[in-house]
Amino acid sequence: MATNMTSDAHSNNHSEIASRHSKSQNTDAPSISSLHDLIEAQLTFIQHWIKQQSQPLANEAWQWLGAQPMSRYVTAQDLQHLINDWLLSQPMTEVMRTDIRAILQTVIYHPVNDDMPLSELVDETQVHTLATYIGSHEQQRNGLIHALIGNNTFADLLTQTLYHAINDFMEGTLDKAGGVGKLMKMGRSSFEKATNRSLDEKLQTYLHRNIKDLASKAEANAQAHLSNEEVSRLLISGWARIKDQPISQLQSYLNDDPDHAENSSIHHIEASVQQSYNRLRLSPYLHSLVAASVGTWYNNHQSDTIATLSASLNIDDSAMAQLNKAILPIIHEAIASDWLTTRMREMLQAFYQQPYIKEALAKKGS
């Protein structure tokens, strides 16, 4: 009943507009002596009527569309084809890539970053939540400590570092020791001949054997010392030391070369991301994830109306009203455009060329 009343109200409103338009045209209405004149008069009326009714028509169109269920027009397969065949099947255009680099350049190097602290990017509660979360994962933390300290690569690196430090120290000391230094070098040569092994090799073997043991102890000490609470405390204290620094401080980790843009960090980051995207977008792996994700979303929302889905994106009646105001000038220009006028004239001409219309007009004329 409410729908019928609304429909009647809209119909009456349109009738009133048409009536007012008709009355306003009576005083200067052109004489109609031919079918051509009739078509032109109708064309003028239609254009004027649509222009006057464009805003309520747009609102009514949105109300009607919003009430329709999404599943009536779109299936999960449609969405998958849209993503796979349109979005993922083609690489990003060079124009879009250039725009992305330009926007990143503007955002990262904008002067406002000089006066804005890092704490504006990350809330204090987020830091505490993240620190607690990381600190609570003891097994993963121990695995990371083992990967950093308890592996052979770390032991070999530490061995070589200490060996070079000891060797440089000994060489420098012996060179400054004069005759004593020469005597010690002779002793070193005699030792190497007697053992058939170089002192350097002996030293490296000794360091490696003992450093592996030290690395194991260091790993155990790190795991024991880095408790859940200690990890959280270190993360929070680390954040406290940098949170007041300006966001522009991040620029020091990037290379900006205006004269050679291809050497800039932004260019390399964008190119790297683009390379990964081009590799993934055609892979069966990503297509499987897309299919699963679309299926999950569609199953959760297939009974929703278009208005409900729009509301989840904060697009409501108020937002659509603002959008209508923005596009009405475009609609008005389209209504008065030559191409639409020509198409509407062709439509009316085709209408009056129908045999039964021509016959009815002929009877009226007689």
Protein backbone atom coordinates (compact mmCIF):
# COMPACT_ATOMS: atom_id res chain seq x y z
CA MET A 1 0.00 0.00 0.00
CA ALA A 2 2.79 2.41 0.95
CA THR A 3 4.55 1.61 -2.32
CA ASN A 4 1.37 2.33 -4.30
CA MET A 5 0.85 5.61 -2.47
CA THR A 6 4.46 6.61 -3.15
CA SER A 7 4.09 5.63 -6.77
CA ASP A 8 0.85 7.64 -7.06
CA ALA A 9 2.55 10.64 -5.44
CA HIS A 10 5.42 10.46 -7.91
CA SER A 11 2.98 10.08 -10.78
CA ASN A 12 0.95 13.06 -9.61
CA ASN A 13 4.12 15.11 -9.18
CA HIS A 14 5.24 14.29 -12.71
CA SER A 15 1.77 15.15 -14.02
CA GLU A 16 1.86 18.49 -12.27
CA ILE A 17 5.25 19.28 -13.77
CA ALA A 18 3.98 18.33 -17.19
CA SER A 19 0.87 20.45 -16.69
CA ARG A 20 2.86 23.49 -15.58
CA HIS A 21 5.22 23.02 -18.49
CA SER A 22 2.28 22.76 -20.87
CA LYS A 23 0.72 25.96 -19.53
CA SER A 24 4.01 27.81 -19.69
CA GLN A 25 4.37 26.79 -23.31
CA ASN A 26 0.86 27.79 -24.36
CA THR A 27 1.71 31.47 -24.70
CA ASP A 28 4.66 30.91 -27.02
CA ALA A 29 3.85 27.43 -28.37
CA PRO A 30 5.01 26.97 -31.97
CA SER A 31 2.42 26.09 -34.58
CA ILE A 32 2.39 22.38 -35.49
CA SER A 33 1.59 21.83 -39.13
CA SER A 34 3.58 18.70 -39.86
CA LEU A 35 4.96 15.53 -38.31
CA HIS A 36 8.36 17.18 -38.18
CA ASP A 37 6.97 20.03 -36.10
CA LEU A 38 5.27 17.54 -33.77
CA ILE A 39 8.50 15.61 -33.25
CA GLU A 40 10.48 18.78 -32.54
CA ALA A 41 7.85 19.95 -30.06
CA GLN A 42 7.90 16.60 -28.29
CA LEU A 43 11.70 16.65 -28.27
CA THR A 44 11.74 20.07 -26.63
CA PHE A 45 9.18 18.96 -24.05
CA ILE A 46 11.04 15.75 -23.20
CA GLN A 47 14.34 17.57 -22.74
CA HIS A 48 12.75 20.22 -20.53
CA TRP A 49 10.82 17.64 -18.50
CA ILE A 50 13.85 15.42 -17.88
CA LYS A 51 15.94 18.42 -16.87
CA GLN A 52 13.29 19.57 -14.39
CA GLN A 53 12.88 16.05 -13.01
CA SER A 54 16.53 14.96 -13.08
CA GLN A 55 17.12 15.24 -9.33
CA PRO A 56 14.00 13.38 -8.13
CA LEU A 57 14.50 10.82 -10.92
CA ALA A 58 18.09 10.20 -9.74
CA ASN A 59 16.91 9.82 -6.13
CA GLU A 60 14.13 7.43 -7.15
CA ALA A 61 16.53 5.43 -9.31
CA TRP A 62 18.87 4.99 -6.34
CA GLN A 63 16.00 3.97 -4.07
CA TRP A 64 14.89 1.37 -6.59
CA LEU A 65 18.40 0.06 -7.23
CA GLY A 66 19.23 -0.05 -3.53
CA ALA A 67 16.21 -2.26 -2.83
CA GLN A 68 17.33 -4.92 -5.35
CA PRO A 69 19.20 -8.01 -4.11
CA MET A 70 22.77 -8.17 -5.34
CA SER A 71 22.43 -11.83 -6.34
CA ARG A 72 19.79 -10.90 -8.92
CA TYR A 73 22.40 -9.25 -11.11
CA VAL A 74 25.81 -10.58 -10.00
CA THR A 75 27.02 -14.13 -9.39
CA ALA A 76 30.24 -15.28 -7.74
CA GLN A 77 31.45 -16.39 -11.17
CA ASP A 78 30.85 -12.88 -12.53
CA LEU A 79 33.06 -11.42 -9.81
CA GLN A 80 35.78 -13.99 -10.41
CA HIS A 81 35.74 -13.32 -14.15
CA LEU A 82 35.90 -9.58 -13.48
CA ILE A 83 38.96 -9.96 -11.25
CA ASN A 84 40.75 -12.64 -13.28
CA ASP A 85 39.95 -11.49 -16.83
CA TRP A 86 40.08 -7.74 -16.33
CA LEU A 87 42.21 -6.92 -13.30
CA LEU A 88 44.77 -9.75 -13.19
CA SER A 89 45.12 -10.65 -16.86
CA GLN A 90 46.70 -7.32 -17.75
CA PRO A 91 49.78 -5.60 -16.31
CA MET A 92 49.50 -2.11 -14.88
CA THR A 93 49.80 0.53 -17.57
CA GLU A 94 52.88 2.71 -17.61
CA VAL A 95 50.64 5.73 -16.97
CA MET A 96 49.36 4.18 -13.73
CA ARG A 97 52.86 3.17 -12.64
CA THR A 98 54.12 6.71 -13.28
CA ASP A 99 51.23 8.12 -11.25
CA ILE A 100 51.99 5.73 -8.35
CA ARG A 101 55.64 6.81 -8.28
CA ALA A 102 54.69 10.49 -8.47
CA ILE A 103 52.18 10.17 -5.62
CA LEU A 104 54.68 8.26 -3.45
CA GLN A 105 57.28 10.95 -4.15
CA THR A 106 54.84 13.66 -3.11
CA VAL A 107 53.69 11.88 0.05
CA ILE A 108 57.14 10.80 1.28
CA TYR A 109 58.92 14.10 0.62
CA HIS A 110 56.09 16.48 1.51
CA PRO A 111 57.24 19.33 3.83
CA VAL A 112 54.53 18.48 6.37
CA ASN A 113 56.57 15.39 7.31
CA ASP A 114 59.23 17.66 8.86
CA ASP A 115 56.85 18.74 11.64
CA MET A 116 54.91 15.52 12.13
CA PRO A 117 56.24 12.95 14.66
CA LEU A 118 56.19 9.21 14.03
CA SER A 119 53.69 8.88 16.88
CA GLU A 120 51.08 10.37 14.54
CA LEU A 121 51.37 7.25 12.37
CA VAL A 122 51.14 4.68 15.16
CA ASP A 123 48.99 5.01 18.28
CA GLU A 124 50.60 4.27 21.65
CA THR A 125 48.07 1.55 22.41
CA GLN A 126 48.93 -0.15 19.10
CA VAL A 127 52.58 -0.33 20.11
CA HIS A 128 51.72 -1.88 23.49
CA THR A 129 49.34 -4.37 21.87
CA LEU A 130 51.91 -5.35 19.23
CA ALA A 131 54.71 -5.63 21.81
CA THR A 132 52.57 -7.88 24.02
CA TYR A 133 51.58 -10.00 21.04
CA ILE A 134 55.18 -10.49 19.88
CA GLY A 135 56.40 -11.10 23.42
CA SER A 136 53.83 -13.82 24.02
CA HIS A 137 55.06 -16.02 21.13
CA GLU A 138 57.89 -17.77 22.97
CA GLN A 139 58.31 -20.68 20.57
CA GLN A 140 58.57 -18.44 17.51
CA ARG A 141 60.96 -16.11 19.38
CA ASN A 142 63.27 -18.99 20.32
CA GLY A 143 63.24 -20.16 16.74
CA LEU A 144 64.27 -16.69 15.59
CA ILE A 145 67.08 -16.53 18.19
CA HIS A 146 68.35 -19.91 17.03
CA ALA A 147 68.24 -18.78 13.41
CA LEU A 148 70.26 -15.65 14.24
CA ILE A 149 72.75 -16.94 16.83
CA GLY A 150 72.72 -20.73 16.84
CA ASN A 151 73.46 -21.36 13.17
CA ASN A 152 76.83 -22.19 11.62
CA THR A 153 76.86 -19.09 9.45
CA PHE A 154 76.85 -16.86 12.51
CA ALA A 155 79.66 -18.91 14.10
CA ASP A 156 81.75 -18.75 10.91
CA LEU A 157 81.20 -15.00 10.63
CA LEU A 158 82.23 -14.44 14.24
CA THR A 159 85.26 -16.71 13.81
CA GLN A 160 86.53 -14.77 10.81
CA THR A 161 85.90 -11.44 12.55
CA LEU A 162 87.88 -12.43 15.65
CA TYR A 163 90.63 -14.06 13.60
CA HIS A 164 91.21 -10.91 11.54
CA ALA A 165 91.13 -8.76 14.68
CA ILE A 166 93.72 -10.98 16.47
CA ASN A 167 95.87 -11.29 13.38
CA ASP A 168 95.89 -7.53 12.76
CA PHE A 169 96.75 -6.92 16.41
CA MET A 170 99.62 -9.45 16.40
CA GLU A 171 101.09 -8.20 13.13
CA GLY A 172 100.99 -4.61 14.33
CA THR A 173 102.51 -5.54 17.70
CA LEU A 174 105.35 -7.63 16.20
CA ASP A 175 106.25 -4.91 13.70
CA LYS A 176 106.65 -2.43 16.56
CA ALA A 177 108.59 -4.85 18.79
CA GLY A 178 111.88 -4.58 16.85
CA GLY A 179 114.30 -7.47 17.48
CA VAL A 180 111.85 -9.24 19.78
CA GLY A 181 109.26 -9.15 17.05
CA LYS A 182 111.65 -10.70 14.56
CA LEU A 183 112.51 -13.41 17.09
CA MET A 184 108.81 -14.20 17.60
CA LYS A 185 108.25 -14.42 13.84
CA MET A 186 111.13 -16.89 13.63
CA GLY A 187 109.53 -18.93 16.42
CA ARG A 188 106.24 -18.90 14.53
CA SER A 189 108.01 -20.20 11.40
CA SER A 190 109.70 -22.98 13.36
CA PHE A 191 106.35 -23.98 14.92
CA GLU A 192 104.68 -24.22 11.51
CA LYS A 193 107.50 -26.41 10.14
CA ALA A 194 107.40 -28.72 13.15
CA THR A 195 103.61 -29.18 13.14
CA ASN A 196 103.20 -29.05 9.36
CA ARG A 197 100.34 -26.58 9.94
CA SER A 198 100.23 -22.80 9.73
CA LEU A 199 99.61 -20.81 12.85
CA ASP A 200 96.75 -19.05 11.08
CA GLU A 201 95.02 -22.36 10.38
CA LYS A 202 95.58 -23.48 13.98
CA LEU A 203 94.17 -20.22 15.29
CA GLN A 204 91.07 -20.41 13.06
CA THR A 205 90.40 -24.02 14.10
CA TYR A 206 90.71 -23.10 17.76
CA LEU A 207 88.42 -20.07 17.39
CA HIS A 208 85.80 -21.95 15.40
CA ARG A 209 85.64 -24.84 17.87
CA ASN A 210 85.31 -22.55 20.86
CA ILE A 211 83.04 -19.98 19.20
CA LYS A 212 80.52 -22.68 18.29
CA ASP A 213 80.39 -23.54 21.95
CA LEU A 214 80.13 -19.85 22.86
CA ALA A 215 77.34 -19.38 20.29
CA SER A 216 75.37 -22.23 21.87
CA LYS A 217 75.81 -20.63 25.28
CA ALA A 218 74.86 -17.22 23.87
CA GLU A 219 71.73 -18.73 22.33
CA ALA A 220 70.75 -20.31 25.67
CA ASN A 221 71.45 -17.06 27.51
CA ALA A 222 69.41 -15.04 25.00
CA GLN A 223 66.47 -17.40 25.30
CA ALA A 224 66.67 -17.27 29.07
CA HIS A 225 67.12 -13.49 29.23
CA LEU A 226 64.57 -12.52 26.59
CA SER A 227 61.46 -13.45 28.53
CA ASN A 228 57.99 -12.41 27.36
CA GLU A 229 58.09 -9.35 29.59
CA GLU A 230 61.63 -8.40 28.53
CA VAL A 231 60.80 -8.57 24.84
CA SER A 232 57.73 -6.39 25.37
CA ARG A 233 59.78 -3.93 27.44
CA LEU A 234 62.52 -3.72 24.78
CA LEU A 235 60.00 -3.04 22.01
CA ILE A 236 58.17 -0.39 24.02
CA SER A 237 61.39 1.34 25.14
CA GLY A 238 62.68 1.22 21.55
CA TRP A 239 59.51 2.90 20.33
CA ALA A 240 59.79 5.52 23.08
CA ARG A 241 63.22 6.52 21.74
CA ILE A 242 62.04 7.18 18.20
CA LYS A 243 58.36 8.15 18.47
CA ASP A 244 59.07 11.90 18.70
CA GLN A 245 61.31 11.95 15.65
CA PRO A 246 59.77 13.56 12.54
CA ILE A 247 58.32 11.33 9.86
CA SER A 248 60.83 12.88 7.45
CA GLN A 249 63.52 10.91 9.32
CA LEU A 250 62.44 7.93 7.21
CA GLN A 251 63.75 9.78 4.17
CA SER A 252 67.31 9.13 5.36
CA TYR A 253 66.81 5.46 4.49
CA LEU A 254 65.86 6.33 0.92
CA ASN A 255 67.86 7.59 -2.03
CA ASP A 256 66.29 10.51 -3.88
CA ASP A 257 67.97 11.44 -7.16
CA PRO A 258 65.85 14.01 -9.07
CA ASP A 259 68.25 14.04 -12.03
CA HIS A 260 68.22 10.26 -12.38
CA ALA A 261 64.77 9.09 -11.28
CA GLU A 262 65.55 5.51 -12.28
CA ASN A 263 68.14 5.39 -9.46
CA SER A 264 65.78 6.60 -6.73
CA SER A 265 64.56 4.29 -3.98
CA ILE A 266 60.94 4.96 -4.90
CA HIS A 267 61.60 3.82 -8.45
CA HIS A 268 63.29 0.63 -7.23
CA ILE A 269 60.55 -0.11 -4.67
CA GLU A 270 57.78 0.38 -7.23
CA ALA A 271 59.62 -1.70 -9.82
CA SER A 272 60.19 -4.50 -7.30
CA VAL A 273 56.54 -4.53 -6.25
CA GLN A 274 55.51 -4.47 -9.91
CA GLN A 275 57.77 -7.44 -10.66
CA SER A 276 56.23 -9.43 -7.83
CA TYR A 277 52.72 -8.45 -8.92
CA ASN A 278 53.34 -9.50 -12.53
CA ARG A 279 54.66 -12.86 -11.34
CA LEU A 280 51.72 -13.46 -9.00
CA ARG A 281 48.79 -12.13 -11.04
CA LEU A 282 48.95 -15.01 -13.53
CA SER A 283 49.89 -17.74 -11.07
CA PRO A 284 47.41 -20.54 -10.23
CA TYR A 285 48.21 -19.81 -6.59
CA LEU A 286 46.75 -16.30 -6.65
CA HIS A 287 43.79 -17.39 -8.78
CA SER A 288 42.99 -20.07 -6.21
CA LEU A 289 43.08 -17.49 -3.42
CA VAL A 290 40.89 -15.12 -5.44
CA ALA A 291 38.32 -17.86 -6.06
CA ALA A 292 38.25 -18.82 -2.38
CA SER A 293 38.04 -15.19 -1.22
CA VAL A 294 35.27 -14.28 -3.66
CA GLY A 295 33.37 -17.42 -2.69
CA THR A 296 33.61 -16.56 1.01
CA TRP A 297 32.50 -12.96 0.46
CA TYR A 298 29.66 -13.92 -1.86
CA ASN A 299 28.30 -16.58 0.50
CA ASN A 300 28.25 -14.01 3.30
CA HIS A 301 26.49 -11.31 1.25
CA GLN A 302 24.48 -12.98 -1.50
CA SER A 303 21.18 -12.15 0.22
CA ASP A 304 22.12 -8.49 0.81
CA THR A 305 20.55 -5.68 -1.13
CA ILE A 306 22.68 -3.24 -3.06
CA ALA A 307 21.86 -0.57 -0.47
CA THR A 308 23.12 -2.85 2.32
CA LEU A 309 26.37 -3.50 0.46
CA SER A 310 26.76 0.21 -0.22
CA ALA A 311 26.18 1.02 3.44
CA SER A 312 29.13 -1.24 4.34
CA LEU A 313 31.24 1.18 2.28
CA ASN A 314 29.62 4.17 4.02
CA ILE A 315 27.60 4.98 0.90
CA ASP A 316 24.13 5.90 2.14
CA ASP A 317 21.27 8.13 0.99
CA SER A 318 23.14 11.22 2.15
CA ALA A 319 26.23 10.28 0.19
CA MET A 320 24.15 9.55 -2.90
CA ALA A 321 22.41 12.92 -2.55
CA GLN A 322 25.82 14.61 -2.59
CA LEU A 323 26.83 12.52 -5.59
CA ASN A 324 23.64 13.49 -7.41
CA LYS A 325 24.41 17.18 -6.90
CA ALA A 326 27.86 16.62 -8.39
CA ILE A 327 26.64 14.76 -11.47
CA LEU A 328 23.49 16.79 -12.20
CA PRO A 329 25.42 19.38 -14.27
CA ILE A 330 26.78 16.51 -16.36
CA ILE A 331 23.26 15.12 -16.80
CA HIS A 332 21.93 18.53 -17.84
CA GLU A 333 24.69 18.97 -20.41
CA ALA A 334 24.08 15.45 -21.74
CA ILE A 335 20.35 16.16 -22.12
CA ALA A 336 21.07 19.26 -24.20
CA SER A 337 23.92 17.67 -26.17
CA ASP A 338 23.68 17.19 -29.93
CA TRP A 339 24.27 13.44 -29.81
CA LEU A 340 21.43 12.76 -27.34
CA THR A 341 19.10 15.19 -29.12
CA THR A 342 19.79 13.37 -32.39
CA ARG A 343 19.15 9.96 -30.79
CA MET A 344 15.86 11.07 -29.21
CA ARG A 345 14.76 12.58 -32.55
CA GLU A 346 15.56 9.27 -34.27
CA MET A 347 13.54 7.44 -31.61
CA LEU A 348 10.50 9.67 -32.11
CA GLN A 349 10.78 9.39 -35.88
CA ALA A 350 10.91 5.61 -35.59
CA PHE A 351 7.86 5.72 -33.32
CA TYR A 352 5.77 7.68 -35.82
CA GLN A 353 6.90 5.48 -38.70
CA GLN A 354 5.14 2.48 -37.19
CA PRO A 355 2.25 1.45 -39.42
CA TYR A 356 -0.43 1.49 -36.73
CA ILE A 357 0.66 4.97 -35.57
CA LYS A 358 0.61 6.28 -39.11
CA GLU A 359 -2.81 4.74 -39.60
CA ALA A 360 -4.14 6.26 -36.37
CA LEU A 361 -2.82 9.71 -37.33
CA ALA A 362 -4.31 9.41 -40.77
CA LYS A 363 -7.76 8.67 -39.28
CA LYS A 364 -7.42 11.65 -36.96
CA GLY A 365 -6.57 13.86 -39.88
CA SER A 366 -9.53 12.73 -41.89
